[in-house]
Amino acid sequence: MAVVIELRVAGSRDQHDAADAKVEEALGELGGPPDGLMFHISWPDNDGFVVIDVWRSEEEARQFFYSVVRPSMTAVGLDAGVPTVRPIWGMARPPA
């Protein structure tokens, strides 16, 4: 079942961008985005930012979070916390 992963992080835009660069570096080493990742966005929020990812399965999402996202955030001084995971019952995309 597809899931949405929500992560709220206290930190600056510079920290967000540094963590994003670390994730991009890891993706390069992995040969590109992981198969289960369907969608990724982030935006500023109060004293930090929010990251939302849509994944094909919770297992794929958690594996990527703990092996790539969390270490990338820790490397730039961010506390990634624990992501909120919610099942997706429906999703629509406009035709390509």
PDB file of N, CA and C in Angstrom:
ATOM      1  N   MET A   1       0.839  -1.177   0.000  1.00  0.00           N
ATOM      2  CA  MET A   1       0.000   0.000   0.000  1.00  0.00           C
ATOM      3  C   MET A   1       0.883   1.239   0.000  1.00  0.00           C
ATOM      4  N   ALA A   2       0.550   2.215  -0.822  1.00  0.00           N
ATOM      5  CA  ALA A   2       1.288   3.474  -0.873  1.00  0.00           C
ATOM      6  C   ALA A   2       1.103   4.236   0.432  1.00  0.00           C
ATOM      7  N   VAL A   3       2.141   4.995   0.789  1.00  0.00           N
ATOM      8  CA  VAL A   3       2.114   5.787   2.018  1.00  0.00           C
ATOM      9  C   VAL A   3       2.653   7.181   1.754  1.00  0.00           C
ATOM     10  N   VAL A   4       2.235   8.114   2.597  1.00  0.00           N
ATOM     11  CA  VAL A   4       2.823   9.450   2.604  1.00  0.00           C
ATOM     12  C   VAL A   4       3.648   9.561   3.877  1.00  0.00           C
ATOM     13  N   ILE A   5       4.846  10.096   3.732  1.00  0.00           N
ATOM     14  CA  ILE A   5       5.767  10.283   4.842  1.00  0.00           C
ATOM     15  C   ILE A   5       5.874  11.780   5.083  1.00  0.00           C
ATOM     16  N   GLU A   6       5.624  12.203   6.307  1.00  0.00           N
ATOM     17  CA  GLU A   6       5.728  13.619   6.660  1.00  0.00           C
ATOM     18  C   GLU A   6       6.825  13.779   7.698  1.00  0.00           C
ATOM     19  N   LEU A   7       7.709  14.730   7.446  1.00  0.00           N
ATOM     20  CA  LEU A   7       8.812  15.001   8.355  1.00  0.00           C
ATOM     21  C   LEU A   7       8.861  16.501   8.607  1.00  0.00           C
ATOM     22  N   ARG A   8       8.740  16.892   9.880  1.00  0.00           N
ATOM     23  CA  ARG A   8       8.835  18.306  10.266  1.00  0.00           C
ATOM     24  C   ARG A   8      10.178  18.501  10.961  1.00  0.00           C
ATOM     25  N   VAL A   9      10.954  19.444  10.442  1.00  0.00           N
ATOM     26  CA  VAL A   9      12.319  19.626  10.915  1.00  0.00           C
ATOM     27  C   VAL A   9      12.545  21.086  11.298  1.00  0.00           C
ATOM     28  N   ALA A  10      13.125  21.319  12.477  1.00  0.00           N
ATOM     29  CA  ALA A  10      13.533  22.661  12.879  1.00  0.00           C
ATOM     30  C   ALA A  10      14.908  22.925  12.273  1.00  0.00           C
ATOM     31  N   GLY A  11      14.998  23.995  11.477  1.00  0.00           N
ATOM     32  CA  GLY A  11      16.267  24.313  10.847  1.00  0.00           C
ATOM     33  C   GLY A  11      16.113  25.414   9.818  1.00  0.00           C
ATOM     34  N   SER A  12      17.224  25.903   9.331  1.00  0.00           N
ATOM     35  CA  SER A  12      17.242  27.014   8.383  1.00  0.00           C
ATOM     36  C   SER A  12      17.164  26.530   6.937  1.00  0.00           C
ATOM     37  N   ARG A  13      16.965  27.467   6.044  1.00  0.00           N
ATOM     38  CA  ARG A  13      16.972  27.167   4.604  1.00  0.00           C
ATOM     39  C   ARG A  13      18.341  26.631   4.196  1.00  0.00           C
ATOM     40  N   ASP A  14      19.405  27.221   4.753  1.00  0.00           N
ATOM     41  CA  ASP A  14      20.751  26.742   4.421  1.00  0.00           C
ATOM     42  C   ASP A  14      20.942  25.288   4.856  1.00  0.00           C
ATOM     43  N   GLN A  15      20.432  24.936   6.044  1.00  0.00           N
ATOM     44  CA  GLN A  15      20.534  23.550   6.508  1.00  0.00           C
ATOM     45  C   GLN A  15      19.705  22.621   5.615  1.00  0.00           C
ATOM     46  N   HIS A  16      18.509  23.064   5.238  1.00  0.00           N
ATOM     47  CA  HIS A  16      17.668  22.287   4.324  1.00  0.00           C
ATOM     48  C   HIS A  16      18.431  22.009   3.038  1.00  0.00           C
ATOM     49  N   ASP A  17      19.009  23.062   2.474  1.00  0.00           N
ATOM     50  CA  ASP A  17      19.706  22.920   1.198  1.00  0.00           C
ATOM     51  C   ASP A  17      20.948  22.035   1.329  1.00  0.00           C
ATOM     52  N   ALA A  18      21.648  22.141   2.463  1.00  0.00           N
ATOM     53  CA  ALA A  18      22.825  21.293   2.686  1.00  0.00           C
ATOM     54  C   ALA A  18      22.420  19.826   2.818  1.00  0.00           C
ATOM     55  N   ALA A  19      21.336  19.565   3.546  1.00  0.00           N
ATOM     56  CA  ALA A  19      20.850  18.185   3.676  1.00  0.00           C
ATOM     57  C   ALA A  19      20.380  17.661   2.325  1.00  0.00           C
ATOM     58  N   ASP A  20      19.699  18.506   1.559  1.00  0.00           N
ATOM     59  CA  ASP A  20      19.235  18.124   0.229  1.00  0.00           C
ATOM     60  C   ASP A  20      20.422  17.754  -0.664  1.00  0.00           C
ATOM     61  N   ALA A  21      21.499  18.513  -0.566  1.00  0.00           N
ATOM     62  CA  ALA A  21      22.704  18.208  -1.357  1.00  0.00           C
ATOM     63  C   ALA A  21      23.298  16.862  -0.940  1.00  0.00           C
ATOM     64  N   LYS A  22      23.271  16.563   0.362  1.00  0.00           N
ATOM     65  CA  LYS A  22      23.776  15.264   0.849  1.00  0.00           C
ATOM     66  C   LYS A  22      22.911  14.126   0.304  1.00  0.00           C
ATOM     67  N   VAL A  23      21.598  14.304   0.307  1.00  0.00           N
ATOM     68  CA  VAL A  23      20.704  13.275  -0.235  1.00  0.00           C
ATOM     69  C   VAL A  23      20.970  13.094  -1.727  1.00  0.00           C
ATOM     70  N   GLU A  24      21.135  14.197  -2.455  1.00  0.00           N
ATOM     71  CA  GLU A  24      21.432  14.111  -3.890  1.00  0.00           C
ATOM     72  C   GLU A  24      22.733  13.358  -4.139  1.00  0.00           C
ATOM     73  N   GLU A  25      23.727  13.604  -3.293  1.00  0.00           N
ATOM     74  CA  GLU A  25      25.008  12.891  -3.405  1.00  0.00           C
ATOM     75  C   GLU A  25      24.805  11.387  -3.211  1.00  0.00           C
ATOM     76  N   ALA A  26      24.012  11.040  -2.202  1.00  0.00           N
ATOM     77  CA  ALA A  26      23.723   9.622  -1.947  1.00  0.00           C
ATOM     78  C   ALA A  26      22.965   9.002  -3.114  1.00  0.00           C
ATOM     79  N   LEU A  27      22.024   9.763  -3.686  1.00  0.00           N
ATOM     80  CA  LEU A  27      21.271   9.251  -4.836  1.00  0.00           C
ATOM     81  C   LEU A  27      22.191   8.995  -6.024  1.00  0.00           C
ATOM     82  N   GLY A  28      23.187   9.850  -6.195  1.00  0.00           N
ATOM     83  CA  GLY A  28      24.162   9.641  -7.255  1.00  0.00           C
ATOM     84  C   GLY A  28      24.928   8.348  -7.060  1.00  0.00           C
ATOM     85  N   GLU A  29      25.287   8.076  -5.805  1.00  0.00           N
ATOM     86  CA  GLU A  29      26.001   6.840  -5.490  1.00  0.00           C
ATOM     87  C   GLU A  29      25.108   5.617  -5.679  1.00  0.00           C
ATOM     88  N   LEU A  30      23.801   5.797  -5.469  1.00  0.00           N
ATOM     89  CA  LEU A  30      22.849   4.694  -5.625  1.00  0.00           C
ATOM     90  C   LEU A  30      22.408   4.505  -7.079  1.00  0.00           C
ATOM     91  N   GLY A  31      22.784   5.443  -7.938  1.00  0.00           N
ATOM     92  CA  GLY A  31      22.404   5.336  -9.344  1.00  0.00           C
ATOM     93  C   GLY A  31      21.083   5.997  -9.679  1.00  0.00           C
ATOM     94  N   GLY A  32      20.573   6.843  -8.800  1.00  0.00           N
ATOM     95  CA  GLY A  32      19.327   7.561  -9.057  1.00  0.00           C
ATOM     96  C   GLY A  32      18.340   7.380  -7.930  1.00  0.00           C
ATOM     97  N   PRO A  33      17.160   7.950  -8.097  1.00  0.00           N
ATOM     98  CA  PRO A  33      16.136   7.835  -7.064  1.00  0.00           C
ATOM     99  C   PRO A  33      15.758   6.382  -6.795  1.00  0.00           C
ATOM    100  N   PRO A  34      15.400   6.065  -5.566  1.00  0.00           N
ATOM    101  CA  PRO A  34      14.973   4.699  -5.256  1.00  0.00           C
ATOM    102  C   PRO A  34      13.673   4.366  -5.990  1.00  0.00           C
ATOM    103  N   ASP A  35      13.526   3.098  -6.337  1.00  0.00           N
ATOM    104  CA  ASP A  35      12.366   2.656  -7.112  1.00  0.00           C
ATOM    105  C   ASP A  35      11.028   3.017  -6.483  1.00  0.00           C
ATOM    106  N   GLY A  36      10.923   2.946  -5.167  1.00  0.00           N
ATOM    107  CA  GLY A  36       9.627   3.139  -4.528  1.00  0.00           C
ATOM    108  C   GLY A  36       9.198   4.571  -4.343  1.00  0.00           C
ATOM    109  N   LEU A  37      10.101   5.543  -4.570  1.00  0.00           N
ATOM    110  CA  LEU A  37       9.755   6.949  -4.382  1.00  0.00           C
ATOM    111  C   LEU A  37       8.893   7.426  -5.543  1.00  0.00           C
ATOM    112  N   MET A  38       7.711   7.955  -5.207  1.00  0.00           N
ATOM    113  CA  MET A  38       6.784   8.403  -6.237  1.00  0.00           C
ATOM    114  C   MET A  38       6.723   9.924  -6.350  1.00  0.00           C
ATOM    115  N   PHE A  39       7.001  10.639  -5.224  1.00  0.00           N
ATOM    116  CA  PHE A  39       6.793  12.085  -5.203  1.00  0.00           C
ATOM    117  C   PHE A  39       7.534  12.661  -4.010  1.00  0.00           C
ATOM    118  N   HIS A  40       8.130  13.842  -4.169  1.00  0.00           N
ATOM    119  CA  HIS A  40       8.837  14.507  -3.075  1.00  0.00           C
ATOM    120  C   HIS A  40       8.624  16.012  -3.173  1.00  0.00           C
ATOM    121  N   ILE A  41       8.288  16.651  -2.042  1.00  0.00           N
ATOM    122  CA  ILE A  41       8.212  18.111  -1.967  1.00  0.00           C
ATOM    123  C   ILE A  41       8.665  18.552  -0.575  1.00  0.00           C
ATOM    124  N   SER A  42       9.062  19.812  -0.468  1.00  0.00           N
ATOM    125  CA  SER A  42       9.362  20.406   0.843  1.00  0.00           C
ATOM    126  C   SER A  42       9.015  21.888   0.791  1.00  0.00           C
ATOM    127  N   TRP A  43       8.754  22.451   1.976  1.00  0.00           N
ATOM    128  CA  TRP A  43       8.422  23.875   2.053  1.00  0.00           C
ATOM    129  C   TRP A  43       8.778  24.411   3.427  1.00  0.00           C
ATOM    130  N   PRO A  44       8.949  25.756   3.553  1.00  0.00           N
ATOM    131  CA  PRO A  44       9.240  26.350   4.851  1.00  0.00           C
ATOM    132  C   PRO A  44       8.007  26.313   5.744  1.00  0.00           C
ATOM    133  N   ASP A  45       8.249  26.210   7.059  1.00  0.00           N
ATOM    134  CA  ASP A  45       7.147  26.162   8.014  1.00  0.00           C
ATOM    135  C   ASP A  45       7.647  26.609   9.379  1.00  0.00           C
ATOM    136  N   ASN A  46       7.113  27.687   9.897  1.00  0.00           N
ATOM    137  CA  ASN A  46       7.461  28.206  11.217  1.00  0.00           C
ATOM    138  C   ASN A  46       8.974  28.294  11.402  1.00  0.00           C
ATOM    139  N   ASP A  47       9.546  27.489  12.294  1.00  0.00           N
ATOM    140  CA  ASP A  47      10.980  27.569  12.583  1.00  0.00           C
ATOM    141  C   ASP A  47      11.799  26.547  11.795  1.00  0.00           C
ATOM    142  N   GLY A  48      11.251  26.041  10.697  1.00  0.00           N
ATOM    143  CA  GLY A  48      11.971  25.025   9.946  1.00  0.00           C
ATOM    144  C   GLY A  48      11.324  24.741   8.618  1.00  0.00           C
ATOM    145  N   PHE A  49      11.142  23.447   8.346  1.00  0.00           N
ATOM    146  CA  PHE A  49      10.575  23.050   7.073  1.00  0.00           C
ATOM    147  C   PHE A  49       9.873  21.699   7.195  1.00  0.00           C
ATOM    148  N   VAL A  50       9.054  21.412   6.203  1.00  0.00           N
ATOM    149  CA  VAL A  50       8.302  20.165   6.129  1.00  0.00           C
ATOM    150  C   VAL A  50       8.740  19.429   4.864  1.00  0.00           C
ATOM    151  N   VAL A  51       8.918  18.123   4.987  1.00  0.00           N
ATOM    152  CA  VAL A  51       9.230  17.272   3.842  1.00  0.00           C
ATOM    153  C   VAL A  51       8.100  16.257   3.705  1.00  0.00           C
ATOM    154  N   ILE A  52       7.585  16.136   2.503  1.00  0.00           N
ATOM    155  CA  ILE A  52       6.543  15.157   2.208  1.00  0.00           C
ATOM    156  C   ILE A  52       7.027  14.266   1.067  1.00  0.00           C
ATOM    157  N   ASP A  53       6.979  12.977   1.286  1.00  0.00           N
ATOM    158  CA  ASP A  53       7.301  12.008   0.239  1.00  0.00           C
ATOM    159  C   ASP A  53       6.146  11.035   0.112  1.00  0.00           C
ATOM    160  N   VAL A  54       5.872  10.615  -1.101  1.00  0.00           N
ATOM    161  CA  VAL A  54       4.911   9.544  -1.358  1.00  0.00           C
ATOM    162  C   VAL A  54       5.721   8.345  -1.838  1.00  0.00           C
ATOM    163  N   TRP A  55       5.481   7.217  -1.186  1.00  0.00           N
ATOM    164  CA  TRP A  55       6.220   5.987  -1.474  1.00  0.00           C
ATOM    165  C   TRP A  55       5.259   4.863  -1.836  1.00  0.00           C
ATOM    166  N   ARG A  56       5.755   3.944  -2.608  1.00  0.00           N
ATOM    167  CA  ARG A  56       4.978   2.767  -2.993  1.00  0.00           C
ATOM    168  C   ARG A  56       4.661   1.892  -1.785  1.00  0.00           C
ATOM    169  N   SER A  57       5.608   1.837  -0.810  1.00  0.00           N
ATOM    170  CA  SER A  57       5.359   1.037   0.391  1.00  0.00           C
ATOM    171  C   SER A  57       6.059   1.662   1.592  1.00  0.00           C
ATOM    172  N   GLU A  58       5.546   1.379   2.769  1.00  0.00           N
ATOM    173  CA  GLU A  58       6.139   1.879   4.006  1.00  0.00           C
ATOM    174  C   GLU A  58       7.544   1.306   4.205  1.00  0.00           C
ATOM    175  N   GLU A  59       7.728   0.053   3.867  1.00  0.00           N
ATOM    176  CA  GLU A  59       9.040  -0.580   4.028  1.00  0.00           C
ATOM    177  C   GLU A  59      10.108   0.144   3.212  1.00  0.00           C
ATOM    178  N   GLU A  60       9.793   0.476   1.958  1.00  0.00           N
ATOM    179  CA  GLU A  60      10.752   1.200   1.119  1.00  0.00           C
ATOM    180  C   GLU A  60      11.039   2.584   1.689  1.00  0.00           C
ATOM    181  N   ALA A  61      10.002   3.247   2.166  1.00  0.00           N
ATOM    182  CA  ALA A  61      10.158   4.585   2.732  1.00  0.00           C
ATOM    183  C   ALA A  61      11.043   4.561   3.975  1.00  0.00           C
ATOM    184  N   ARG A  62      10.768   3.645   4.875  1.00  0.00           N
ATOM    185  CA  ARG A  62      11.558   3.581   6.113  1.00  0.00           C
ATOM    186  C   ARG A  62      13.012   3.210   5.832  1.00  0.00           C
ATOM    187  N   GLN A  63      13.243   2.293   4.900  1.00  0.00           N
ATOM    188  CA  GLN A  63      14.608   1.899   4.570  1.00  0.00           C
ATOM    189  C   GLN A  63      15.387   3.114   4.056  1.00  0.00           C
ATOM    190  N   PHE A  64      14.797   3.899   3.161  1.00  0.00           N
ATOM    191  CA  PHE A  64      15.468   5.069   2.607  1.00  0.00           C
ATOM    192  C   PHE A  64      15.657   6.141   3.675  1.00  0.00           C
ATOM    193  N   PHE A  65      14.655   6.341   4.504  1.00  0.00           N
ATOM    194  CA  PHE A  65      14.761   7.355   5.561  1.00  0.00           C
ATOM    195  C   PHE A  65      15.940   7.044   6.492  1.00  0.00           C
ATOM    196  N   TYR A  66      15.991   5.820   6.983  1.00  0.00           N
ATOM    197  CA  TYR A  66      17.019   5.488   7.970  1.00  0.00           C
ATOM    198  C   TYR A  66      18.409   5.283   7.363  1.00  0.00           C
ATOM    199  N   SER A  67      18.495   4.953   6.082  1.00  0.00           N
ATOM    200  CA  SER A  67      19.817   4.740   5.484  1.00  0.00           C
ATOM    201  C   SER A  67      20.358   5.973   4.756  1.00  0.00           C
ATOM    202  N   VAL A  68      19.478   6.878   4.314  1.00  0.00           N
ATOM    203  CA  VAL A  68      19.940   8.037   3.542  1.00  0.00           C
ATOM    204  C   VAL A  68      19.515   9.370   4.163  1.00  0.00           C
ATOM    205  N   VAL A  69      18.226   9.560   4.408  1.00  0.00           N
ATOM    206  CA  VAL A  69      17.728  10.865   4.854  1.00  0.00           C
ATOM    207  C   VAL A  69      18.252  11.229   6.240  1.00  0.00           C
ATOM    208  N   ARG A  70      18.068  10.359   7.194  1.00  0.00           N
ATOM    209  CA  ARG A  70      18.501  10.674   8.553  1.00  0.00           C
ATOM    210  C   ARG A  70      20.006  10.962   8.621  1.00  0.00           C
ATOM    211  N   PRO A  71      20.875  10.114   8.051  1.00  0.00           N
ATOM    212  CA  PRO A  71      22.305  10.432   8.096  1.00  0.00           C
ATOM    213  C   PRO A  71      22.646  11.746   7.383  1.00  0.00           C
ATOM    214  N   SER A  72      21.950  12.058   6.310  1.00  0.00           N
ATOM    215  CA  SER A  72      22.198  13.311   5.587  1.00  0.00           C
ATOM    216  C   SER A  72      21.839  14.515   6.440  1.00  0.00           C
ATOM    217  N   MET A  73      20.727  14.427   7.150  1.00  0.00           N
ATOM    218  CA  MET A  73      20.313  15.531   8.011  1.00  0.00           C
ATOM    219  C   MET A  73      21.236  15.661   9.224  1.00  0.00           C
ATOM    220  N   THR A  74      21.588  14.550   9.807  1.00  0.00           N
ATOM    221  CA  THR A  74      22.491  14.572  10.963  1.00  0.00           C
ATOM    222  C   THR A  74      23.829  15.195  10.578  1.00  0.00           C
ATOM    223  N   ALA A  75      24.308  14.910   9.384  1.00  0.00           N
ATOM    224  CA  ALA A  75      25.600  15.419   8.916  1.00  0.00           C
ATOM    225  C   ALA A  75      25.643  16.946   8.848  1.00  0.00           C
ATOM    226  N   VAL A  76      24.486  17.588   8.695  1.00  0.00           N
ATOM    227  CA  VAL A  76      24.450  19.051   8.620  1.00  0.00           C
ATOM    228  C   VAL A  76      23.853  19.680   9.878  1.00  0.00           C
ATOM    229  N   GLY A  77      23.755  18.893  10.946  1.00  0.00           N
ATOM    230  CA  GLY A  77      23.315  19.418  12.233  1.00  0.00           C
ATOM    231  C   GLY A  77      21.822  19.476  12.451  1.00  0.00           C
ATOM    232  N   LEU A  78      21.057  18.724  11.681  1.00  0.00           N
ATOM    233  CA  LEU A  78      19.601  18.693  11.847  1.00  0.00           C
ATOM    234  C   LEU A  78      19.170  17.434  12.585  1.00  0.00           C
ATOM    235  N   ASP A  79      18.090  17.552  13.351  1.00  0.00           N
ATOM    236  CA  ASP A  79      17.475  16.399  14.000  1.00  0.00           C
ATOM    237  C   ASP A  79      16.297  15.971  13.138  1.00  0.00           C
ATOM    238  N   ALA A  80      16.440  14.835  12.482  1.00  0.00           N
ATOM    239  CA  ALA A  80      15.392  14.361  11.573  1.00  0.00           C
ATOM    240  C   ALA A  80      14.166  13.855  12.309  1.00  0.00           C
ATOM    241  N   GLY A  81      14.289  13.560  13.586  1.00  0.00           N
ATOM    242  CA  GLY A  81      13.142  13.077  14.331  1.00  0.00           C
ATOM    243  C   GLY A  81      12.620  11.762  13.792  1.00  0.00           C
ATOM    244  N   VAL A  82      11.338  11.555  13.984  1.00  0.00           N
ATOM    245  CA  VAL A  82      10.676  10.337  13.504  1.00  0.00           C
ATOM    246  C   VAL A  82       9.593  10.763  12.518  1.00  0.00           C
ATOM    247  N   PRO A  83       9.602  10.208  11.318  1.00  0.00           N
ATOM    248  CA  PRO A  83       8.591  10.611  10.335  1.00  0.00           C
ATOM    249  C   PRO A  83       7.209  10.079  10.691  1.00  0.00           C
ATOM    250  N   THR A  84       6.205  10.836  10.294  1.00  0.00           N
ATOM    251  CA  THR A  84       4.823  10.383  10.403  1.00  0.00           C
ATOM    252  C   THR A  84       4.486   9.640   9.116  1.00  0.00           C
ATOM    253  N   VAL A  85       3.907   8.464   9.259  1.00  0.00           N
ATOM    254  CA  VAL A  85       3.562   7.639   8.097  1.00  0.00           C
ATOM    255  C   VAL A  85       2.047   7.458   8.068  1.00  0.00           C
ATOM    256  N   ARG A  86       1.467   7.743   6.908  1.00  0.00           N
ATOM    257  CA  ARG A  86       0.016   7.586   6.751  1.00  0.00           C
ATOM    258  C   ARG A  86      -0.276   6.803   5.468  1.00  0.00           C
ATOM    259  N   PRO A  87      -1.258   5.918   5.498  1.00  0.00           N
ATOM    260  CA  PRO A  87      -1.621   5.197   4.273  1.00  0.00           C
ATOM    261  C   PRO A  87      -2.318   6.133   3.291  1.00  0.00           C
ATOM    262  N   ILE A  88      -2.146   5.840   2.030  1.00  0.00           N
ATOM    263  CA  ILE A  88      -2.832   6.602   0.983  1.00  0.00           C
ATOM    264  C   ILE A  88      -3.962   5.724   0.442  1.00  0.00           C
ATOM    265  N   TRP A  89      -5.158   6.259   0.483  1.00  0.00           N
ATOM    266  CA  TRP A  89      -6.300   5.524  -0.043  1.00  0.00           C
ATOM    267  C   TRP A  89      -6.591   5.875  -1.488  1.00  0.00           C
ATOM    268  N   GLY A  90      -6.187   7.069  -1.892  1.00  0.00           N
ATOM    269  CA  GLY A  90      -6.439   7.464  -3.275  1.00  0.00           C
ATOM    270  C   GLY A  90      -5.461   8.536  -3.698  1.00  0.00           C
ATOM    271  N   MET A  91      -5.141   8.542  -4.991  1.00  0.00           N
ATOM    272  CA  MET A  91      -4.231   9.539  -5.525  1.00  0.00           C
ATOM    273  C   MET A  91      -4.561   9.697  -7.004  1.00  0.00           C
ATOM    274  N   ALA A  92      -4.612  10.929  -7.466  1.00  0.00           N
ATOM    275  CA  ALA A  92      -4.897  11.182  -8.880  1.00  0.00           C
ATOM    276  C   ALA A  92      -3.788  12.039  -9.458  1.00  0.00           C
ATOM    277  N   ARG A  93      -3.442  11.744 -10.694  1.00  0.00           N
ATOM    278  CA  ARG A  93      -2.466  12.537 -11.435  1.00  0.00           C
ATOM    279  C   ARG A  93      -3.074  12.901 -12.771  1.00  0.00           C
ATOM    280  N   PRO A  94      -2.792  14.134 -13.224  1.00  0.00           N
ATOM    281  CA  PRO A  94      -3.298  14.479 -14.555  1.00  0.00           C
ATOM    282  C   PRO A  94      -2.576  13.639 -15.611  1.00  0.00           C
ATOM    283  N   PRO A  95      -3.218  13.412 -16.745  1.00  0.00           N
ATOM    284  CA  PRO A  95      -2.557  12.647 -17.804  1.00  0.00           C
ATOM    285  C   PRO A  95      -1.294  13.353 -18.279  1.00  0.00           C
ATOM    286  N   ALA A  96      -0.325  12.575 -18.680  1.00  0.00           N
ATOM    287  CA  ALA A  96       0.952  13.141 -19.159  1.00  0.00           C
ATOM    288  C   ALA A  96       0.812  13.745 -20.525  1.00  0.00           C
TER     289      ALA A  96
END
